[in-house]
């Protein structure tokens, strides 16, 4: 079994932070949806919980094992947050959290990039 490098540790911690943010938003919206269309918001909240949990599991298991497919799959996070930022999509009106999640997810993927694409990795 490979010893986990500091780069991989930083990577999965950043990605788990993003996952917790997505899942946390989902919980908040599912529990207390806005009054204008509560069923739609609850459905979006449940979907966000699923995305957060799925991304978190990817970060905690295959990403930590340096499986390349997980590294590629987790690029969903920065793409998701960039789309939200460009499209001025919710959650929130200030969009600062979106920039923070973009930075965290890109850092989480780029800091350990050598670990996933070195000659010794599978």
PDB file of N, CA and C in Angstrom:
ATOM      1  N   UNK A   1       0.844  -1.187   0.000  1.00  0.00           N
ATOM      2  CA  UNK A   1       0.000   0.000   0.000  1.00  0.00           C
ATOM      3  C   UNK A   1       0.888   1.248   0.000  1.00  0.00           C
ATOM      4  N   UNK A   2       0.532   2.216  -0.859  1.00  0.00           N
ATOM      5  CA  UNK A   2       1.298   3.452  -0.958  1.00  0.00           C
ATOM      6  C   UNK A   2       1.062   4.329   0.258  1.00  0.00           C
ATOM      7  N   UNK A   3       2.112   5.008   0.672  1.00  0.00           N
ATOM      8  CA  UNK A   3       1.984   6.005   1.734  1.00  0.00           C
ATOM      9  C   UNK A   3       1.378   7.264   1.112  1.00  0.00           C
ATOM     10  N   UNK A   4       0.432   7.868   1.825  1.00  0.00           N
ATOM     11  CA  UNK A   4      -0.226   9.051   1.292  1.00  0.00           C
ATOM     12  C   UNK A   4       0.687  10.261   1.412  1.00  0.00           C
ATOM     13  N   UNK A   5       0.903  10.946   0.305  1.00  0.00           N
ATOM     14  CA  UNK A   5       1.753  12.132   0.308  1.00  0.00           C
ATOM     15  C   UNK A   5       0.979  13.337   0.829  1.00  0.00           C
ATOM     16  N   UNK A   6       1.714  14.362   1.196  1.00  0.00           N
ATOM     17  CA  UNK A   6       1.086  15.605   1.667  1.00  0.00           C
ATOM     18  C   UNK A   6       0.258  16.237   0.553  1.00  0.00           C
ATOM     19  N   UNK A   7       0.701  16.099  -0.699  1.00  0.00           N
ATOM     20  CA  UNK A   7      -0.046  16.662  -1.826  1.00  0.00           C
ATOM     21  C   UNK A   7      -1.406  15.991  -1.971  1.00  0.00           C
ATOM     22  N   UNK A   8      -1.443  14.672  -1.854  1.00  0.00           N
ATOM     23  CA  UNK A   8      -2.719  13.962  -1.954  1.00  0.00           C
ATOM     24  C   UNK A   8      -3.612  14.316  -0.766  1.00  0.00           C
ATOM     25  N   UNK A   9      -3.027  14.443   0.417  1.00  0.00           N
ATOM     26  CA  UNK A   9      -3.798  14.825   1.599  1.00  0.00           C
ATOM     27  C   UNK A   9      -4.423  16.206   1.418  1.00  0.00           C
ATOM     28  N   UNK A  10      -3.645  17.154   0.933  1.00  0.00           N
ATOM     29  CA  UNK A  10      -4.183  18.498   0.666  1.00  0.00           C
ATOM     30  C   UNK A  10      -5.299  18.401  -0.366  1.00  0.00           C
ATOM     31  N   UNK A  11      -5.085  17.607  -1.407  1.00  0.00           N
ATOM     32  CA  UNK A  11      -6.080  17.458  -2.461  1.00  0.00           C
ATOM     33  C   UNK A  11      -7.403  16.925  -1.957  1.00  0.00           C
ATOM     34  N   UNK A  12      -7.356  15.806  -1.241  1.00  0.00           N
ATOM     35  CA  UNK A  12      -8.635  15.242  -0.811  1.00  0.00           C
ATOM     36  C   UNK A  12      -9.303  16.100   0.248  1.00  0.00           C
ATOM     37  N   UNK A  13      -8.528  16.783   1.087  1.00  0.00           N
ATOM     38  CA  UNK A  13      -9.136  17.684   2.069  1.00  0.00           C
ATOM     39  C   UNK A  13      -9.877  18.843   1.387  1.00  0.00           C
ATOM     40  N   UNK A  14      -9.266  19.421   0.370  1.00  0.00           N
ATOM     41  CA  UNK A  14      -9.931  20.496  -0.380  1.00  0.00           C
ATOM     42  C   UNK A  14     -11.216  20.002  -1.035  1.00  0.00           C
ATOM     43  N   UNK A  15     -11.146  18.819  -1.641  1.00  0.00           N
ATOM     44  CA  UNK A  15     -12.305  18.271  -2.342  1.00  0.00           C
ATOM     45  C   UNK A  15     -13.416  17.860  -1.369  1.00  0.00           C
ATOM     46  N   UNK A  16     -13.046  17.351  -0.218  1.00  0.00           N
ATOM     47  CA  UNK A  16     -14.058  17.013   0.789  1.00  0.00           C
ATOM     48  C   UNK A  16     -14.713  18.290   1.321  1.00  0.00           C
ATOM     49  N   UNK A  17     -13.956  19.369   1.454  1.00  0.00           N
ATOM     50  CA  UNK A  17     -14.542  20.642   1.883  1.00  0.00           C
ATOM     51  C   UNK A  17     -15.601  21.111   0.886  1.00  0.00           C
ATOM     52  N   UNK A  18     -15.311  20.983  -0.400  1.00  0.00           N
ATOM     53  CA  UNK A  18     -16.284  21.351  -1.431  1.00  0.00           C
ATOM     54  C   UNK A  18     -17.503  20.430  -1.339  1.00  0.00           C
ATOM     55  N   UNK A  19     -17.254  19.145  -1.153  1.00  0.00           N
ATOM     56  CA  UNK A  19     -18.350  18.175  -1.033  1.00  0.00           C
ATOM     57  C   UNK A  19     -19.257  18.507   0.141  1.00  0.00           C
ATOM     58  N   UNK A  20     -18.663  18.853   1.264  1.00  0.00           N
ATOM     59  CA  UNK A  20     -19.454  19.218   2.437  1.00  0.00           C
ATOM     60  C   UNK A  20     -20.271  20.487   2.182  1.00  0.00           C
ATOM     61  N   UNK A  21     -19.685  21.437   1.452  1.00  0.00           N
ATOM     62  CA  UNK A  21     -20.417  22.654   1.110  1.00  0.00           C
ATOM     63  C   UNK A  21     -21.618  22.366   0.232  1.00  0.00           C
ATOM     64  N   UNK A  22     -21.444  21.514  -0.765  1.00  0.00           N
ATOM     65  CA  UNK A  22     -22.552  21.155  -1.663  1.00  0.00           C
ATOM     66  C   UNK A  22     -23.626  20.405  -0.887  1.00  0.00           C
ATOM     67  N   UNK A  23     -23.222  19.414  -0.106  1.00  0.00           N
ATOM     68  CA  UNK A  23     -24.190  18.633   0.667  1.00  0.00           C
ATOM     69  C   UNK A  23     -24.880  19.502   1.720  1.00  0.00           C
ATOM     70  N   UNK A  24     -24.126  20.393   2.352  1.00  0.00           N
ATOM     71  CA  UNK A  24     -24.706  21.290   3.351  1.00  0.00           C
ATOM     72  C   UNK A  24     -25.758  22.208   2.757  1.00  0.00           C
ATOM     73  N   UNK A  25     -25.467  22.748   1.578  1.00  0.00           N
ATOM     74  CA  UNK A  25     -26.466  23.559   0.882  1.00  0.00           C
ATOM     75  C   UNK A  25     -27.702  22.714   0.600  1.00  0.00           C
ATOM     76  N   UNK A  26     -27.495  21.485   0.164  1.00  0.00           N
ATOM     77  CA  UNK A  26     -28.621  20.601  -0.125  1.00  0.00           C
ATOM     78  C   UNK A  26     -29.494  20.359   1.087  1.00  0.00           C
ATOM     79  N   UNK A  27     -28.869  20.123   2.216  1.00  0.00           N
ATOM     80  CA  UNK A  27     -29.626  19.896   3.451  1.00  0.00           C
ATOM     81  C   UNK A  27     -30.434  21.146   3.805  1.00  0.00           C
ATOM     82  N   UNK A  28     -29.802  22.308   3.729  1.00  0.00           N
ATOM     83  CA  UNK A  28     -30.488  23.558   4.066  1.00  0.00           C
ATOM     84  C   UNK A  28     -31.704  23.781   3.181  1.00  0.00           C
ATOM     85  N   UNK A  29     -31.560  23.539   1.895  1.00  0.00           N
ATOM     86  CA  UNK A  29     -32.671  23.777   0.966  1.00  0.00           C
ATOM     87  C   UNK A  29     -33.746  22.709   1.105  1.00  0.00           C
ATOM     88  N   UNK A  30     -33.352  21.473   1.355  1.00  0.00           N
ATOM     89  CA  UNK A  30     -34.341  20.397   1.505  1.00  0.00           C
ATOM     90  C   UNK A  30     -35.162  20.576   2.778  1.00  0.00           C
ATOM     91  N   UNK A  31     -34.532  21.063   3.829  1.00  0.00           N
ATOM     92  CA  UNK A  31     -35.225  21.224   5.119  1.00  0.00           C
ATOM     93  C   UNK A  31     -36.062  22.500   5.149  1.00  0.00           C
ATOM     94  N   UNK A  32     -35.544  23.590   4.594  1.00  0.00           N
ATOM     95  CA  UNK A  32     -36.246  24.880   4.631  1.00  0.00           C
ATOM     96  C   UNK A  32     -36.271  25.504   3.242  1.00  0.00           C
ATOM     97  N   UNK A  33     -37.078  24.947   2.326  1.00  0.00           N
ATOM     98  CA  UNK A  33     -37.117  25.489   0.966  1.00  0.00           C
ATOM     99  C   UNK A  33     -37.809  26.846   0.912  1.00  0.00           C
ATOM    100  N   UNK A  34     -37.427  27.693  -0.050  1.00  0.00           N
ATOM    101  CA  UNK A  34     -38.139  28.962  -0.230  1.00  0.00           C
ATOM    102  C   UNK A  34     -39.618  28.708  -0.544  1.00  0.00           C
ATOM    103  N   UNK A  35     -40.451  29.660  -0.196  1.00  0.00           N
ATOM    104  CA  UNK A  35     -41.900  29.484  -0.297  1.00  0.00           C
ATOM    105  C   UNK A  35     -42.426  29.506  -1.727  1.00  0.00           C
ATOM    106  N   UNK A  36     -41.689  30.100  -2.684  1.00  0.00           N
ATOM    107  CA  UNK A  36     -42.246  30.256  -4.027  1.00  0.00           C
ATOM    108  C   UNK A  36     -42.437  28.933  -4.761  1.00  0.00           C
ATOM    109  N   UNK A  37     -41.578  27.931  -4.564  1.00  0.00           N
ATOM    110  CA  UNK A  37     -41.747  26.618  -5.194  1.00  0.00           C
ATOM    111  C   UNK A  37     -41.047  25.561  -4.343  1.00  0.00           C
ATOM    112  N   UNK A  38     -41.628  25.220  -3.196  1.00  0.00           N
ATOM    113  CA  UNK A  38     -40.928  24.368  -2.239  1.00  0.00           C
ATOM    114  C   UNK A  38     -40.579  22.979  -2.762  1.00  0.00           C
ATOM    115  N   UNK A  39     -41.447  22.364  -3.554  1.00  0.00           N
ATOM    116  CA  UNK A  39     -41.149  21.012  -4.039  1.00  0.00           C
ATOM    117  C   UNK A  39     -39.947  20.997  -4.981  1.00  0.00           C
ATOM    118  N   UNK A  40     -39.857  21.994  -5.840  1.00  0.00           N
ATOM    119  CA  UNK A  40     -38.715  22.081  -6.744  1.00  0.00           C
ATOM    120  C   UNK A  40     -37.426  22.286  -5.954  1.00  0.00           C
ATOM    121  N   UNK A  41     -37.466  23.168  -4.967  1.00  0.00           N
ATOM    122  CA  UNK A  41     -36.275  23.420  -4.160  1.00  0.00           C
ATOM    123  C   UNK A  41     -35.898  22.200  -3.324  1.00  0.00           C
ATOM    124  N   UNK A  42     -36.885  21.486  -2.806  1.00  0.00           N
ATOM    125  CA  UNK A  42     -36.580  20.270  -2.055  1.00  0.00           C
ATOM    126  C   UNK A  42     -35.919  19.227  -2.952  1.00  0.00           C
ATOM    127  N   UNK A  43     -36.411  19.102  -4.167  1.00  0.00           N
ATOM    128  CA  UNK A  43     -35.803  18.164  -5.120  1.00  0.00           C
ATOM    129  C   UNK A  43     -34.367  18.582  -5.437  1.00  0.00           C
ATOM    130  N   UNK A  44     -34.144  19.873  -5.652  1.00  0.00           N
ATOM    131  CA  UNK A  44     -32.789  20.370  -5.888  1.00  0.00           C
ATOM    132  C   UNK A  44     -31.893  20.127  -4.679  1.00  0.00           C
ATOM    133  N   UNK A  45     -32.458  20.309  -3.487  1.00  0.00           N
ATOM    134  CA  UNK A  45     -31.704  20.063  -2.269  1.00  0.00           C
ATOM    135  C   UNK A  45     -31.291  18.612  -2.144  1.00  0.00           C
ATOM    136  N   UNK A  46     -32.214  17.699  -2.423  1.00  0.00           N
ATOM    137  CA  UNK A  46     -31.882  16.278  -2.357  1.00  0.00           C
ATOM    138  C   UNK A  46     -30.833  15.901  -3.401  1.00  0.00           C
ATOM    139  N   UNK A  47     -30.935  16.480  -4.593  1.00  0.00           N
ATOM    140  CA  UNK A  47     -29.923  16.226  -5.627  1.00  0.00           C
ATOM    141  C   UNK A  47     -28.558  16.754  -5.191  1.00  0.00           C
ATOM    142  N   UNK A  48     -28.543  17.915  -4.560  1.00  0.00           N
ATOM    143  CA  UNK A  48     -27.276  18.479  -4.071  1.00  0.00           C
ATOM    144  C   UNK A  48     -26.666  17.616  -2.968  1.00  0.00           C
ATOM    145  N   UNK A  49     -27.491  17.085  -2.110  1.00  0.00           N
ATOM    146  CA  UNK A  49     -26.985  16.172  -1.081  1.00  0.00           C
ATOM    147  C   UNK A  49     -26.310  14.980  -1.752  1.00  0.00           C
ATOM    148  N   UNK A  50     -26.955  14.430  -2.762  1.00  0.00           N
ATOM    149  CA  UNK A  50     -26.385  13.290  -3.487  1.00  0.00           C
ATOM    150  C   UNK A  50     -25.075  13.626  -4.170  1.00  0.00           C
ATOM    151  N   UNK A  51     -25.007  14.775  -4.816  1.00  0.00           N
ATOM    152  CA  UNK A  51     -23.773  15.196  -5.484  1.00  0.00           C
ATOM    153  C   UNK A  51     -22.657  15.389  -4.462  1.00  0.00           C
ATOM    154  N   UNK A  52     -22.980  16.006  -3.338  1.00  0.00           N
ATOM    155  CA  UNK A  52     -21.982  16.215  -2.293  1.00  0.00           C
ATOM    156  C   UNK A  52     -21.472  14.907  -1.712  1.00  0.00           C
ATOM    157  N   UNK A  53     -22.390  13.987  -1.421  1.00  0.00           N
ATOM    158  CA  UNK A  53     -21.979  12.691  -0.876  1.00  0.00           C
ATOM    159  C   UNK A  53     -21.167  11.883  -1.889  1.00  0.00           C
ATOM    160  N   UNK A  54     -21.602  11.889  -3.131  1.00  0.00           N
ATOM    161  CA  UNK A  54     -20.894  11.148  -4.183  1.00  0.00           C
ATOM    162  C   UNK A  54     -19.487  11.708  -4.378  1.00  0.00           C
ATOM    163  N   UNK A  55     -19.369  13.026  -4.470  1.00  0.00           N
ATOM    164  CA  UNK A  55     -18.053  13.647  -4.622  1.00  0.00           C
ATOM    165  C   UNK A  55     -17.167  13.392  -3.417  1.00  0.00           C
ATOM    166  N   UNK A  56     -17.758  13.443  -2.227  1.00  0.00           N
ATOM    167  CA  UNK A  56     -16.996  13.159  -1.018  1.00  0.00           C
ATOM    168  C   UNK A  56     -16.469  11.741  -0.993  1.00  0.00           C
ATOM    169  N   UNK A  57     -17.304  10.794  -1.387  1.00  0.00           N
ATOM    170  CA  UNK A  57     -16.851   9.399  -1.445  1.00  0.00           C
ATOM    171  C   UNK A  57     -15.744   9.219  -2.473  1.00  0.00           C
ATOM    172  N   UNK A  58     -15.862   9.891  -3.611  1.00  0.00           N
ATOM    173  CA  UNK A  58     -14.790   9.822  -4.616  1.00  0.00           C
ATOM    174  C   UNK A  58     -13.483  10.367  -4.057  1.00  0.00           C
ATOM    175  N   UNK A  59     -13.577  11.469  -3.332  1.00  0.00           N
ATOM    176  CA  UNK A  59     -12.368  12.077  -2.761  1.00  0.00           C
ATOM    177  C   UNK A  59     -11.764  11.212  -1.666  1.00  0.00           C
ATOM    178  N   UNK A  60     -12.612  10.575  -0.861  1.00  0.00           N
ATOM    179  CA  UNK A  60     -12.117   9.804   0.277  1.00  0.00           C
ATOM    180  C   UNK A  60     -11.611   8.407  -0.078  1.00  0.00           C
ATOM    181  N   UNK A  61     -12.088   7.856  -1.177  1.00  0.00           N
ATOM    182  CA  UNK A  61     -11.684   6.483  -1.484  1.00  0.00           C
ATOM    183  C   UNK A  61     -10.790   6.396  -2.725  1.00  0.00           C
ATOM    184  N   UNK A  62     -11.324   6.436  -3.940  1.00  0.00           N
ATOM    185  CA  UNK A  62     -10.449   6.229  -5.092  1.00  0.00           C
ATOM    186  C   UNK A  62      -9.431   7.356  -5.316  1.00  0.00           C
ATOM    187  N   UNK A  63      -9.798   8.603  -4.990  1.00  0.00           N
ATOM    188  CA  UNK A  63      -8.847   9.706  -5.145  1.00  0.00           C
ATOM    189  C   UNK A  63      -7.646   9.499  -4.229  1.00  0.00           C
ATOM    190  N   UNK A  64      -7.890   9.115  -2.988  1.00  0.00           N
ATOM    191  CA  UNK A  64      -6.792   8.875  -2.038  1.00  0.00           C
ATOM    192  C   UNK A  64      -5.922   7.693  -2.463  1.00  0.00           C
ATOM    193  N   UNK A  65      -6.505   6.764  -3.228  1.00  0.00           N
ATOM    194  CA  UNK A  65      -5.725   5.633  -3.748  1.00  0.00           C
ATOM    195  C   UNK A  65      -5.026   5.986  -5.060  1.00  0.00           C
ATOM    196  N   UNK A  66      -5.129   7.253  -5.463  1.00  0.00           N
ATOM    197  CA  UNK A  66      -4.502   7.776  -6.686  1.00  0.00           C
ATOM    198  C   UNK A  66      -5.048   7.126  -7.965  1.00  0.00           C
ATOM    199  N   UNK A  67      -6.321   6.849  -7.971  1.00  0.00           N
ATOM    200  CA  UNK A  67      -6.943   6.284  -9.167  1.00  0.00           C
ATOM    201  C   UNK A  67      -7.261   7.436 -10.125  1.00  0.00           C
ATOM    202  N   UNK A  68      -6.681   7.389 -11.309  1.00  0.00           N
ATOM    203  CA  UNK A  68      -6.811   8.500 -12.264  1.00  0.00           C
ATOM    204  C   UNK A  68      -8.245   8.826 -12.631  1.00  0.00           C
ATOM    205  N   UNK A  69      -9.076   7.809 -12.760  1.00  0.00           N
ATOM    206  CA  UNK A  69     -10.464   8.066 -13.155  1.00  0.00           C
ATOM    207  C   UNK A  69     -11.148   8.977 -12.135  1.00  0.00           C
ATOM    208  N   UNK A  70     -10.812   8.832 -10.863  1.00  0.00           N
ATOM    209  CA  UNK A  70     -11.413   9.691  -9.833  1.00  0.00           C
ATOM    210  C   UNK A  70     -10.923  11.121  -9.989  1.00  0.00           C
ATOM    211  N   UNK A  71      -9.644  11.290 -10.332  1.00  0.00           N
ATOM    212  CA  UNK A  71      -9.103  12.631 -10.567  1.00  0.00           C
ATOM    213  C   UNK A  71      -9.874  13.303 -11.704  1.00  0.00           C
ATOM    214  N   UNK A  72     -10.097  12.572 -12.789  1.00  0.00           N
ATOM    215  CA  UNK A  72     -10.853  13.132 -13.918  1.00  0.00           C
ATOM    216  C   UNK A  72     -12.306  13.397 -13.538  1.00  0.00           C
ATOM    217  N   UNK A  73     -12.939  12.471 -12.830  1.00  0.00           N
ATOM    218  CA  UNK A  73     -14.349  12.627 -12.455  1.00  0.00           C
ATOM    219  C   UNK A  73     -14.560  13.834 -11.546  1.00  0.00           C
ATOM    220  N   UNK A  74     -13.605  14.118 -10.677  1.00  0.00           N
ATOM    221  CA  UNK A  74     -13.758  15.226  -9.736  1.00  0.00           C
ATOM    222  C   UNK A  74     -13.572  16.601 -10.387  1.00  0.00           C
ATOM    223  N   UNK A  75     -13.200  16.650 -11.655  1.00  0.00           N
ATOM    224  CA  UNK A  75     -13.196  17.926 -12.377  1.00  0.00           C
ATOM    225  C   UNK A  75     -14.623  18.450 -12.551  1.00  0.00           C
ATOM    226  N   UNK A  76     -15.597  17.597 -12.212  1.00  0.00           N
ATOM    227  CA  UNK A  76     -16.979  18.066 -12.222  1.00  0.00           C
ATOM    228  C   UNK A  76     -17.152  19.265 -11.294  1.00  0.00           C
ATOM    229  N   UNK A  77     -16.500  19.238 -10.139  1.00  0.00           N
ATOM    230  CA  UNK A  77     -16.686  20.322  -9.173  1.00  0.00           C
ATOM    231  C   UNK A  77     -16.287  21.695  -9.710  1.00  0.00           C
ATOM    232  N   UNK A  78     -15.061  21.894 -10.212  1.00  0.00           N
ATOM    233  CA  UNK A  78     -14.767  23.247 -10.711  1.00  0.00           C
ATOM    234  C   UNK A  78     -15.646  23.640 -11.899  1.00  0.00           C
ATOM    235  N   UNK A  79     -15.972  22.678 -12.759  1.00  0.00           N
ATOM    236  CA  UNK A  79     -16.846  23.001 -13.897  1.00  0.00           C
ATOM    237  C   UNK A  79     -18.239  23.402 -13.412  1.00  0.00           C
ATOM    238  N   UNK A  80     -18.757  22.696 -12.430  1.00  0.00           N
ATOM    239  CA  UNK A  80     -20.059  22.993 -11.835  1.00  0.00           C
ATOM    240  C   UNK A  80     -20.073  24.404 -11.261  1.00  0.00           C
ATOM    241  N   UNK A  81     -19.035  24.762 -10.498  1.00  0.00           N
ATOM    242  CA  UNK A  81     -19.008  26.073  -9.846  1.00  0.00           C
ATOM    243  C   UNK A  81     -18.722  27.200 -10.826  1.00  0.00           C
ATOM    244  N   UNK A  82     -17.919  26.942 -11.854  1.00  0.00           N
ATOM    245  CA  UNK A  82     -17.700  27.964 -12.889  1.00  0.00           C
ATOM    246  C   UNK A  82     -19.005  28.233 -13.632  1.00  0.00           C
ATOM    247  N   UNK A  83     -19.753  27.185 -13.949  1.00  0.00           N
ATOM    248  CA  UNK A  83     -21.052  27.363 -14.623  1.00  0.00           C
ATOM    249  C   UNK A  83     -22.005  28.178 -13.748  1.00  0.00           C
ATOM    250  N   UNK A  84     -22.005  27.903 -12.438  1.00  0.00           N
ATOM    251  CA  UNK A  84     -22.849  28.672 -11.528  1.00  0.00           C
ATOM    252  C   UNK A  84     -22.417  30.138 -11.462  1.00  0.00           C
ATOM    253  N   UNK A  85     -21.122  30.363 -11.464  1.00  0.00           N
ATOM    254  CA  UNK A  85     -20.612  31.737 -11.399  1.00  0.00           C
ATOM    255  C   UNK A  85     -20.935  32.499 -12.686  1.00  0.00           C
ATOM    256  N   UNK A  86     -20.638  31.906 -13.821  1.00  0.00           N
ATOM    257  CA  UNK A  86     -20.887  32.577 -15.110  1.00  0.00           C
ATOM    258  C   UNK A  86     -22.381  32.793 -15.332  1.00  0.00           C
ATOM    259  N   UNK A  87     -23.186  31.786 -14.990  1.00  0.00           N
ATOM    260  CA  UNK A  87     -24.634  31.886 -15.176  1.00  0.00           C
ATOM    261  C   UNK A  87     -25.358  32.627 -14.077  1.00  0.00           C
ATOM    262  N   UNK A  88     -24.600  33.106 -13.073  1.00  0.00           N
ATOM    263  CA  UNK A  88     -25.182  33.807 -11.919  1.00  0.00           C
ATOM    264  C   UNK A  88     -26.305  32.982 -11.282  1.00  0.00           C
ATOM    265  N   UNK A  89     -26.029  31.687 -11.127  1.00  0.00           N
ATOM    266  CA  UNK A  89     -27.010  30.765 -10.584  1.00  0.00           C
ATOM    267  C   UNK A  89     -26.920  30.720  -9.063  1.00  0.00           C
ATOM    268  N   UNK A  90     -27.992  30.291  -8.426  1.00  0.00           N
ATOM    269  CA  UNK A  90     -27.959  30.172  -6.970  1.00  0.00           C
ATOM    270  C   UNK A  90     -27.009  29.042  -6.556  1.00  0.00           C
ATOM    271  N   UNK A  91     -26.623  28.911  -5.351  1.00  0.00           N
ATOM    272  CA  UNK A  91     -27.152  29.589  -4.180  1.00  0.00           C
ATOM    273  C   UNK A  91     -26.499  30.938  -3.952  1.00  0.00           C
ATOM    274  N   UNK A  92     -27.219  31.809  -3.320  1.00  0.00           N
ATOM    275  CA  UNK A  92     -26.696  33.108  -2.911  1.00  0.00           C
ATOM    276  C   UNK A  92     -26.692  34.138  -4.010  1.00  0.00           C
ATOM    277  N   UNK A  93     -26.477  35.368  -3.589  1.00  0.00           N
ATOM    278  CA  UNK A  93     -26.429  36.496  -4.525  1.00  0.00           C
ATOM    279  C   UNK A  93     -25.016  37.067  -4.645  1.00  0.00           C
ATOM    280  N   UNK A  94     -24.168  36.826  -3.661  1.00  0.00           N
ATOM    281  CA  UNK A  94     -22.835  37.436  -3.677  1.00  0.00           C
ATOM    282  C   UNK A  94     -21.818  36.655  -4.503  1.00  0.00           C
ATOM    283  N   UNK A  95     -22.006  35.356  -4.657  1.00  0.00           N
ATOM    284  CA  UNK A  95     -21.164  34.481  -5.475  1.00  0.00           C
ATOM    285  C   UNK A  95     -19.739  34.319  -4.955  1.00  0.00           C
ATOM    286  N   UNK A  96     -19.439  34.847  -3.777  1.00  0.00           N
ATOM    287  CA  UNK A  96     -18.105  34.682  -3.197  1.00  0.00           C
ATOM    288  C   UNK A  96     -17.841  33.211  -2.896  1.00  0.00           C
ATOM    289  N   UNK A  97     -18.852  32.518  -2.387  1.00  0.00           N
ATOM    290  CA  UNK A  97     -18.682  31.100  -2.073  1.00  0.00           C
ATOM    291  C   UNK A  97     -18.348  30.292  -3.326  1.00  0.00           C
ATOM    292  N   UNK A  98     -18.885  30.715  -4.474  1.00  0.00           N
ATOM    293  CA  UNK A  98     -18.593  30.000  -5.718  1.00  0.00           C
ATOM    294  C   UNK A  98     -17.120  30.146  -6.084  1.00  0.00           C
ATOM    295  N   UNK A  99     -16.573  31.329  -5.916  1.00  0.00           N
ATOM    296  CA  UNK A  99     -15.153  31.551  -6.184  1.00  0.00           C
ATOM    297  C   UNK A  99     -14.304  30.716  -5.219  1.00  0.00           C
ATOM    298  N   UNK A 100     -14.708  30.686  -3.955  1.00  0.00           N
ATOM    299  CA  UNK A 100     -13.979  29.886  -2.962  1.00  0.00           C
ATOM    300  C   UNK A 100     -14.013  28.411  -3.344  1.00  0.00           C
ATOM    301  N   UNK A 101     -15.177  27.897  -3.756  1.00  0.00           N
ATOM    302  CA  UNK A 101     -15.280  26.491  -4.139  1.00  0.00           C
ATOM    303  C   UNK A 101     -14.522  26.193  -5.432  1.00  0.00           C
ATOM    304  N   UNK A 102     -14.459  27.149  -6.343  1.00  0.00           N
ATOM    305  CA  UNK A 102     -13.656  26.966  -7.562  1.00  0.00           C
ATOM    306  C   UNK A 102     -12.185  26.838  -7.177  1.00  0.00           C
ATOM    307  N   UNK A 103     -11.717  27.757  -6.350  1.00  0.00           N
ATOM    308  CA  UNK A 103     -10.308  27.734  -5.933  1.00  0.00           C
ATOM    309  C   UNK A 103      -9.986  26.447  -5.178  1.00  0.00           C
ATOM    310  N   UNK A 104     -10.842  26.064  -4.236  1.00  0.00           N
ATOM    311  CA  UNK A 104     -10.609  24.838  -3.466  1.00  0.00           C
ATOM    312  C   UNK A 104     -10.584  23.599  -4.358  1.00  0.00           C
ATOM    313  N   UNK A 105     -11.532  23.498  -5.271  1.00  0.00           N
ATOM    314  CA  UNK A 105     -11.590  22.299  -6.106  1.00  0.00           C
ATOM    315  C   UNK A 105     -10.437  22.245  -7.101  1.00  0.00           C
ATOM    316  N   UNK A 106     -10.071  23.370  -7.685  1.00  0.00           N
ATOM    317  CA  UNK A 106      -8.926  23.373  -8.613  1.00  0.00           C
ATOM    318  C   UNK A 106      -7.632  23.077  -7.855  1.00  0.00           C
ATOM    319  N   UNK A 107      -7.477  23.666  -6.675  1.00  0.00           N
ATOM    320  CA  UNK A 107      -6.292  23.375  -5.857  1.00  0.00           C
ATOM    321  C   UNK A 107      -6.258  21.902  -5.481  1.00  0.00           C
ATOM    322  N   UNK A 108      -7.408  21.360  -5.094  1.00  0.00           N
ATOM    323  CA  UNK A 108      -7.480  19.955  -4.723  1.00  0.00           C
ATOM    324  C   UNK A 108      -7.112  19.019  -5.848  1.00  0.00           C
ATOM    325  N   UNK A 109      -7.313  19.452  -7.064  1.00  0.00           N
ATOM    326  CA  UNK A 109      -6.971  18.617  -8.219  1.00  0.00           C
ATOM    327  C   UNK A 109      -5.556  18.878  -8.737  1.00  0.00           C
ATOM    328  N   UNK A 110      -5.079  20.110  -8.653  1.00  0.00           N
ATOM    329  CA  UNK A 110      -3.767  20.429  -9.223  1.00  0.00           C
ATOM    330  C   UNK A 110      -2.598  20.202  -8.266  1.00  0.00           C
ATOM    331  N   UNK A 111      -2.808  20.384  -6.967  1.00  0.00           N
ATOM    332  CA  UNK A 111      -1.702  20.169  -6.023  1.00  0.00           C
ATOM    333  C   UNK A 111      -1.144  18.745  -6.144  1.00  0.00           C
ATOM    334  N   UNK A 112      -2.005  17.704  -6.202  1.00  0.00           N
ATOM    335  CA  UNK A 112      -1.455  16.349  -6.305  1.00  0.00           C
ATOM    336  C   UNK A 112      -1.340  15.796  -7.727  1.00  0.00           C
ATOM    337  N   UNK A 113      -1.393  16.644  -8.741  1.00  0.00           N
ATOM    338  CA  UNK A 113      -1.451  16.147 -10.123  1.00  0.00           C
ATOM    339  C   UNK A 113      -0.270  15.223 -10.455  1.00  0.00           C
ATOM    340  N   UNK A 114       0.910  15.486  -9.932  1.00  0.00           N
ATOM    341  CA  UNK A 114       2.069  14.620 -10.206  1.00  0.00           C
ATOM    342  C   UNK A 114       1.875  13.223  -9.650  1.00  0.00           C
ATOM    343  N   UNK A 115       1.147  13.120  -8.553  1.00  0.00           N
ATOM    344  CA  UNK A 115       0.889  11.811  -7.949  1.00  0.00           C
ATOM    345  C   UNK A 115       0.031  10.929  -8.864  1.00  0.00           C
ATOM    346  N   UNK A 116      -0.805  11.549  -9.668  1.00  0.00           N
ATOM    347  CA  UNK A 116      -1.703  10.801 -10.549  1.00  0.00           C
ATOM    348  C   UNK A 116      -1.076  10.506 -11.910  1.00  0.00           C
ATOM    349  N   UNK A 117      -0.076  11.276 -12.294  1.00  0.00           N
ATOM    350  CA  UNK A 117       0.489  11.126 -13.625  1.00  0.00           C
ATOM    351  C   UNK A 117       1.984  10.901 -13.638  1.00  0.00           C
ATOM    352  N   UNK A 118       2.542  10.419 -12.526  1.00  0.00           N
ATOM    353  CA  UNK A 118       3.967  10.093 -12.511  1.00  0.00           C
ATOM    354  C   UNK A 118       4.165   8.735 -13.174  1.00  0.00           C
ATOM    355  N   UNK A 119       5.378   8.430 -13.519  1.00  0.00           N
ATOM    356  CA  UNK A 119       5.671   7.159 -14.187  1.00  0.00           C
ATOM    357  C   UNK A 119       5.398   5.963 -13.286  1.00  0.00           C
ATOM    358  N   UNK A 120       5.480   6.130 -11.984  1.00  0.00           N
ATOM    359  CA  UNK A 120       5.280   5.006 -11.067  1.00  0.00           C
ATOM    360  C   UNK A 120       3.822   4.765 -10.726  1.00  0.00           C
ATOM    361  N   UNK A 121       2.921   5.737 -11.055  1.00  0.00           N
ATOM    362  CA  UNK A 121       1.510   5.520 -10.754  1.00  0.00           C
ATOM    363  C   UNK A 121       0.889   4.610 -11.797  1.00  0.00           C
ATOM    364  N   UNK A 122      -0.146   3.871 -11.399  1.00  0.00           N
ATOM    365  CA  UNK A 122      -0.764   2.895 -12.297  1.00  0.00           C
ATOM    366  C   UNK A 122      -1.763   3.542 -13.209  1.00  0.00           C
TER     367      UNK A 122
END
